[in-house]
Amino acid sequence: MTNIYVRNLVPPISETRLRSEFEAYGRVDRVYVCWDFAVIGMDDEMAAKSAISDLNRRTTWFLREYS
């Protein structure tokens, strides 16, 4: 599983919204939201990298992969 750290979220943002954004790129295993940041767990590393690249360009969120 690949974990993605997302920050600069504007509260309130729901787990459902984040899940739907990331599911456009692949299977999402988990979503954890805590105020202005979130952790997204994706099954496929390439899908995660694609999501990071695309969402960093089209949102004000900051995304990065971490282990």
PDB file of N, CA and C in Angstrom:
ATOM      1  N   MET A   1       0.835  -1.172   0.000  1.00  0.00           N
ATOM      2  CA  MET A   1       0.000   0.000   0.000  1.00  0.00           C
ATOM      3  C   MET A   1       0.886   1.245   0.000  1.00  0.00           C
ATOM      4  N   THR A   2       0.441   2.253  -0.724  1.00  0.00           N
ATOM      5  CA  THR A   2       1.139   3.532  -0.776  1.00  0.00           C
ATOM      6  C   THR A   2       0.329   4.553   0.010  1.00  0.00           C
ATOM      7  N   ASN A   3       0.991   5.240   0.929  1.00  0.00           N
ATOM      8  CA  ASN A   3       0.344   6.274   1.720  1.00  0.00           C
ATOM      9  C   ASN A   3       0.633   7.650   1.127  1.00  0.00           C
ATOM     10  N   ILE A   4      -0.385   8.477   1.102  1.00  0.00           N
ATOM     11  CA  ILE A   4      -0.254   9.838   0.589  1.00  0.00           C
ATOM     12  C   ILE A   4      -0.642  10.793   1.711  1.00  0.00           C
ATOM     13  N   TYR A   5       0.238  11.741   1.988  1.00  0.00           N
ATOM     14  CA  TYR A   5      -0.018  12.786   2.973  1.00  0.00           C
ATOM     15  C   TYR A   5      -0.577  13.987   2.223  1.00  0.00           C
ATOM     16  N   VAL A   6      -1.723  14.490   2.684  1.00  0.00           N
ATOM     17  CA  VAL A   6      -2.374  15.631   2.045  1.00  0.00           C
ATOM     18  C   VAL A   6      -2.527  16.723   3.097  1.00  0.00           C
ATOM     19  N   ARG A   7      -2.061  17.920   2.779  1.00  0.00           N
ATOM     20  CA  ARG A   7      -2.256  19.020   3.728  1.00  0.00           C
ATOM     21  C   ARG A   7      -2.820  20.228   2.987  1.00  0.00           C
ATOM     22  N   ASN A   8      -3.089  21.284   3.720  1.00  0.00           N
ATOM     23  CA  ASN A   8      -3.722  22.498   3.205  1.00  0.00           C
ATOM     24  C   ASN A   8      -5.189  22.274   2.868  1.00  0.00           C
ATOM     25  N   LEU A   9      -5.814  21.340   3.547  1.00  0.00           N
ATOM     26  CA  LEU A   9      -7.240  21.125   3.360  1.00  0.00           C
ATOM     27  C   LEU A   9      -8.003  22.211   4.090  1.00  0.00           C
ATOM     28  N   VAL A  10      -9.117  22.600   3.537  1.00  0.00           N
ATOM     29  CA  VAL A  10      -9.957  23.608   4.179  1.00  0.00           C
ATOM     30  C   VAL A  10     -11.070  22.877   4.924  1.00  0.00           C
ATOM     31  N   PRO A  11     -11.020  22.898   6.249  1.00  0.00           N
ATOM     32  CA  PRO A  11     -12.069  22.225   7.005  1.00  0.00           C
ATOM     33  C   PRO A  11     -13.402  22.943   6.824  1.00  0.00           C
ATOM     34  N   PRO A  12     -14.513  22.280   6.847  1.00  0.00           N
ATOM     35  CA  PRO A  12     -14.589  20.826   6.955  1.00  0.00           C
ATOM     36  C   PRO A  12     -14.522  20.170   5.583  1.00  0.00           C
ATOM     37  N   ILE A  13     -13.710  19.157   5.462  1.00  0.00           N
ATOM     38  CA  ILE A  13     -13.682  18.342   4.245  1.00  0.00           C
ATOM     39  C   ILE A  13     -13.945  16.897   4.674  1.00  0.00           C
ATOM     40  N   SER A  14     -14.752  16.221   3.932  1.00  0.00           N
ATOM     41  CA  SER A  14     -15.180  14.889   4.357  1.00  0.00           C
ATOM     42  C   SER A  14     -14.292  13.794   3.776  1.00  0.00           C
ATOM     43  N   GLU A  15     -14.282  12.676   4.478  1.00  0.00           N
ATOM     44  CA  GLU A  15     -13.588  11.496   3.975  1.00  0.00           C
ATOM     45  C   GLU A  15     -14.211  11.061   2.657  1.00  0.00           C
ATOM     46  N   THR A  16     -15.519  11.218   2.535  1.00  0.00           N
ATOM     47  CA  THR A  16     -16.230  10.823   1.315  1.00  0.00           C
ATOM     48  C   THR A  16     -15.741  11.628   0.120  1.00  0.00           C
ATOM     49  N   ARG A  17     -15.579  12.936   0.288  1.00  0.00           N
ATOM     50  CA  ARG A  17     -15.093  13.769  -0.826  1.00  0.00           C
ATOM     51  C   ARG A  17     -13.683  13.376  -1.230  1.00  0.00           C
ATOM     52  N   LEU A  18     -12.803  13.207  -0.257  1.00  0.00           N
ATOM     53  CA  LEU A  18     -11.430  12.818  -0.569  1.00  0.00           C
ATOM     54  C   LEU A  18     -11.385  11.452  -1.238  1.00  0.00           C
ATOM     55  N   ARG A  19     -12.151  10.526  -0.724  1.00  0.00           N
ATOM     56  CA  ARG A  19     -12.182   9.190  -1.328  1.00  0.00           C
ATOM     57  C   ARG A  19     -12.607   9.275  -2.791  1.00  0.00           C
ATOM     58  N   SER A  20     -13.633  10.065  -3.086  1.00  0.00           N
ATOM     59  CA  SER A  20     -14.102  10.161  -4.472  1.00  0.00           C
ATOM     60  C   SER A  20     -13.059  10.828  -5.368  1.00  0.00           C
ATOM     61  N   GLU A  21     -12.335  11.814  -4.857  1.00  0.00           N
ATOM     62  CA  GLU A  21     -11.267  12.453  -5.640  1.00  0.00           C
ATOM     63  C   GLU A  21     -10.172  11.446  -5.998  1.00  0.00           C
ATOM     64  N   PHE A  22      -9.768  10.642  -5.033  1.00  0.00           N
ATOM     65  CA  PHE A  22      -8.663   9.716  -5.244  1.00  0.00           C
ATOM     66  C   PHE A  22      -9.091   8.452  -5.969  1.00  0.00           C
ATOM     67  N   GLU A  23     -10.330   8.038  -5.830  1.00  0.00           N
ATOM     68  CA  GLU A  23     -10.799   6.842  -6.533  1.00  0.00           C
ATOM     69  C   GLU A  23     -10.826   7.029  -8.049  1.00  0.00           C
ATOM     70  N   ALA A  24     -10.755   8.262  -8.506  1.00  0.00           N
ATOM     71  CA  ALA A  24     -10.645   8.514  -9.941  1.00  0.00           C
ATOM     72  C   ALA A  24      -9.317   7.965 -10.487  1.00  0.00           C
ATOM     73  N   TYR A  25      -8.351   7.704  -9.615  1.00  0.00           N
ATOM     74  CA  TYR A  25      -7.024   7.235 -10.017  1.00  0.00           C
ATOM     75  C   TYR A  25      -6.791   5.759  -9.705  1.00  0.00           C
ATOM     76  N   GLY A  26      -7.605   5.199  -8.817  1.00  0.00           N
ATOM     77  CA  GLY A  26      -7.425   3.792  -8.452  1.00  0.00           C
ATOM     78  C   GLY A  26      -8.097   3.479  -7.140  1.00  0.00           C
ATOM     79  N   ARG A  27      -7.874   2.259  -6.692  1.00  0.00           N
ATOM     80  CA  ARG A  27      -8.508   1.778  -5.466  1.00  0.00           C
ATOM     81  C   ARG A  27      -7.945   2.491  -4.236  1.00  0.00           C
ATOM     82  N   VAL A  28      -8.848   2.975  -3.392  1.00  0.00           N
ATOM     83  CA  VAL A  28      -8.476   3.637  -2.139  1.00  0.00           C
ATOM     84  C   VAL A  28      -8.779   2.670  -1.003  1.00  0.00           C
ATOM     85  N   ASP A  29      -7.764   2.343  -0.214  1.00  0.00           N
ATOM     86  CA  ASP A  29      -7.939   1.409   0.899  1.00  0.00           C
ATOM     87  C   ASP A  29      -8.414   2.096   2.169  1.00  0.00           C
ATOM     88  N   ARG A  30      -7.929   3.318   2.382  1.00  0.00           N
ATOM     89  CA  ARG A  30      -8.347   4.028   3.596  1.00  0.00           C
ATOM     90  C   ARG A  30      -8.185   5.524   3.430  1.00  0.00           C
ATOM     91  N   VAL A  31      -8.968   6.243   4.211  1.00  0.00           N
ATOM     92  CA  VAL A  31      -8.906   7.701   4.243  1.00  0.00           C
ATOM     93  C   VAL A  31      -9.004   8.113   5.705  1.00  0.00           C
ATOM     94  N   TYR A  32      -8.070   8.935   6.144  1.00  0.00           N
ATOM     95  CA  TYR A  32      -8.087   9.457   7.504  1.00  0.00           C
ATOM     96  C   TYR A  32      -7.956  10.977   7.418  1.00  0.00           C
ATOM     97  N   VAL A  33      -8.922  11.691   7.957  1.00  0.00           N
ATOM     98  CA  VAL A  33      -8.901  13.155   7.935  1.00  0.00           C
ATOM     99  C   VAL A  33      -8.788  13.668   9.359  1.00  0.00           C
ATOM    100  N   CYS A  34      -7.889  14.624   9.564  1.00  0.00           N
ATOM    101  CA  CYS A  34      -7.731  15.271  10.862  1.00  0.00           C
ATOM    102  C   CYS A  34      -7.520  16.763  10.634  1.00  0.00           C
ATOM    103  N   TRP A  35      -8.571  17.506  10.802  1.00  0.00           N
ATOM    104  CA  TRP A  35      -8.623  18.949  10.642  1.00  0.00           C
ATOM    105  C   TRP A  35      -8.169  19.408   9.260  1.00  0.00           C
ATOM    106  N   ASP A  36      -6.904  19.834   9.085  1.00  0.00           N
ATOM    107  CA  ASP A  36      -6.473  20.373   7.790  1.00  0.00           C
ATOM    108  C   ASP A  36      -5.493  19.467   7.053  1.00  0.00           C
ATOM    109  N   PHE A  37      -5.405  18.189   7.457  1.00  0.00           N
ATOM    110  CA  PHE A  37      -4.573  17.256   6.718  1.00  0.00           C
ATOM    111  C   PHE A  37      -5.272  15.897   6.657  1.00  0.00           C
ATOM    112  N   ALA A  38      -4.784  15.053   5.771  1.00  0.00           N
ATOM    113  CA  ALA A  38      -5.360  13.717   5.622  1.00  0.00           C
ATOM    114  C   ALA A  38      -4.284  12.734   5.201  1.00  0.00           C
ATOM    115  N   VAL A  39      -4.559  11.476   5.410  1.00  0.00           N
ATOM    116  CA  VAL A  39      -3.721  10.385   4.928  1.00  0.00           C
ATOM    117  C   VAL A  39      -4.616   9.489   4.082  1.00  0.00           C
ATOM    118  N   ILE A  40      -4.174   9.245   2.858  1.00  0.00           N
ATOM    119  CA  ILE A  40      -4.900   8.408   1.928  1.00  0.00           C
ATOM    120  C   ILE A  40      -4.049   7.175   1.653  1.00  0.00           C
ATOM    121  N   GLY A  41      -4.619   6.012   1.784  1.00  0.00           N
ATOM    122  CA  GLY A  41      -3.922   4.767   1.471  1.00  0.00           C
ATOM    123  C   GLY A  41      -4.445   4.212   0.162  1.00  0.00           C
ATOM    124  N   MET A  42      -3.552   4.075  -0.820  1.00  0.00           N
ATOM    125  CA  MET A  42      -3.940   3.531  -2.122  1.00  0.00           C
ATOM    126  C   MET A  42      -3.202   2.215  -2.365  1.00  0.00           C
ATOM    127  N   ASP A  43      -3.896   1.292  -3.011  1.00  0.00           N
ATOM    128  CA  ASP A  43      -3.387  -0.042  -3.258  1.00  0.00           C
ATOM    129  C   ASP A  43      -2.249  -0.061  -4.281  1.00  0.00           C
ATOM    130  N   ASP A  44      -2.318   0.792  -5.291  1.00  0.00           N
ATOM    131  CA  ASP A  44      -1.381   0.772  -6.420  1.00  0.00           C
ATOM    132  C   ASP A  44      -0.454   1.984  -6.373  1.00  0.00           C
ATOM    133  N   GLU A  45       0.861   1.731  -6.349  1.00  0.00           N
ATOM    134  CA  GLU A  45       1.843   2.816  -6.259  1.00  0.00           C
ATOM    135  C   GLU A  45       1.774   3.757  -7.461  1.00  0.00           C
ATOM    136  N   MET A  46       1.621   3.233  -8.658  1.00  0.00           N
ATOM    137  CA  MET A  46       1.560   4.086  -9.851  1.00  0.00           C
ATOM    138  C   MET A  46       0.299   4.950  -9.843  1.00  0.00           C
ATOM    139  N   ALA A  47      -0.813   4.409  -9.387  1.00  0.00           N
ATOM    140  CA  ALA A  47      -2.047   5.186  -9.279  1.00  0.00           C
ATOM    141  C   ALA A  47      -1.872   6.318  -8.269  1.00  0.00           C
ATOM    142  N   ALA A  48      -1.189   6.025  -7.172  1.00  0.00           N
ATOM    143  CA  ALA A  48      -0.927   7.044  -6.153  1.00  0.00           C
ATOM    144  C   ALA A  48      -0.060   8.165  -6.714  1.00  0.00           C
ATOM    145  N   LYS A  49       0.983   7.806  -7.442  1.00  0.00           N
ATOM    146  CA  LYS A  49       1.860   8.823  -8.033  1.00  0.00           C
ATOM    147  C   LYS A  49       1.106   9.675  -9.054  1.00  0.00           C
ATOM    148  N   SER A  50       0.229   9.064  -9.809  1.00  0.00           N
ATOM    149  CA  SER A  50      -0.586   9.801 -10.770  1.00  0.00           C
ATOM    150  C   SER A  50      -1.523  10.775 -10.057  1.00  0.00           C
ATOM    151  N   ALA A  51      -2.149  10.315  -8.979  1.00  0.00           N
ATOM    152  CA  ALA A  51      -3.035  11.179  -8.193  1.00  0.00           C
ATOM    153  C   ALA A  51      -2.268  12.364  -7.617  1.00  0.00           C
ATOM    154  N   ILE A  52      -1.099  12.098  -7.063  1.00  0.00           N
ATOM    155  CA  ILE A  52      -0.274  13.166  -6.492  1.00  0.00           C
ATOM    156  C   ILE A  52       0.064  14.203  -7.556  1.00  0.00           C
ATOM    157  N   SER A  53       0.541  13.751  -8.687  1.00  0.00           N
ATOM    158  CA  SER A  53       0.945  14.655  -9.758  1.00  0.00           C
ATOM    159  C   SER A  53      -0.236  15.511 -10.238  1.00  0.00           C
ATOM    160  N   ASP A  54      -1.337  14.878 -10.510  1.00  0.00           N
ATOM    161  CA  ASP A  54      -2.494  15.596 -11.045  1.00  0.00           C
ATOM    162  C   ASP A  54      -3.129  16.521 -10.016  1.00  0.00           C
ATOM    163  N   LEU A  55      -3.366  16.017  -8.815  1.00  0.00           N
ATOM    164  CA  LEU A  55      -4.041  16.831  -7.797  1.00  0.00           C
ATOM    165  C   LEU A  55      -3.163  17.976  -7.292  1.00  0.00           C
ATOM    166  N   ASN A  56      -1.850  17.803  -7.291  1.00  0.00           N
ATOM    167  CA  ASN A  56      -0.966  18.922  -6.938  1.00  0.00           C
ATOM    168  C   ASN A  56      -1.090  20.064  -7.951  1.00  0.00           C
ATOM    169  N   ARG A  57      -1.369  19.723  -9.217  1.00  0.00           N
ATOM    170  CA  ARG A  57      -1.518  20.756 -10.246  1.00  0.00           C
ATOM    171  C   ARG A  57      -2.869  21.452 -10.199  1.00  0.00           C
ATOM    172  N   ARG A  58      -3.926  20.731  -9.835  1.00  0.00           N
ATOM    173  CA  ARG A  58      -5.258  21.319  -9.967  1.00  0.00           C
ATOM    174  C   ARG A  58      -5.968  21.646  -8.660  1.00  0.00           C
ATOM    175  N   THR A  59      -5.293  21.483  -7.526  1.00  0.00           N
ATOM    176  CA  THR A  59      -5.885  21.868  -6.241  1.00  0.00           C
ATOM    177  C   THR A  59      -4.883  22.719  -5.468  1.00  0.00           C
ATOM    178  N   THR A  60      -5.329  23.287  -4.367  1.00  0.00           N
ATOM    179  CA  THR A  60      -4.421  24.028  -3.481  1.00  0.00           C
ATOM    180  C   THR A  60      -3.840  23.107  -2.408  1.00  0.00           C
ATOM    181  N   TRP A  61      -4.183  21.834  -2.493  1.00  0.00           N
ATOM    182  CA  TRP A  61      -3.647  20.862  -1.551  1.00  0.00           C
ATOM    183  C   TRP A  61      -2.188  20.600  -1.849  1.00  0.00           C
ATOM    184  N   PHE A  62      -1.473  20.190  -0.836  1.00  0.00           N
ATOM    185  CA  PHE A  62      -0.085  19.743  -0.991  1.00  0.00           C
ATOM    186  C   PHE A  62      -0.077  18.249  -0.724  1.00  0.00           C
ATOM    187  N   LEU A  63       0.384  17.471  -1.695  1.00  0.00           N
ATOM    188  CA  LEU A  63       0.394  16.014  -1.562  1.00  0.00           C
ATOM    189  C   LEU A  63       1.801  15.486  -1.721  1.00  0.00           C
ATOM    190  N   ARG A  64       2.121  14.467  -0.934  1.00  0.00           N
ATOM    191  CA  ARG A  64       3.390  13.768  -1.121  1.00  0.00           C
ATOM    192  C   ARG A  64       3.242  12.339  -0.628  1.00  0.00           C
ATOM    193  N   GLU A  65       4.053  11.481  -1.197  1.00  0.00           N
ATOM    194  CA  GLU A  65       4.058  10.069  -0.817  1.00  0.00           C
ATOM    195  C   GLU A  65       4.954   9.893   0.387  1.00  0.00           C
ATOM    196  N   TYR A  66       4.580   8.989   1.262  1.00  0.00           N
ATOM    197  CA  TYR A  66       5.457   8.639   2.373  1.00  0.00           C
ATOM    198  C   TYR A  66       5.272   7.176   2.726  1.00  0.00           C
ATOM    199  N   SER A  67       6.248   6.634   3.411  1.00  0.00           N
ATOM    200  CA  SER A  67       6.209   5.211   3.812  1.00  0.00           C
ATOM    201  C   SER A  67       5.798   5.080   5.233  1.00  0.00           C
TER     202      SER A  67
END
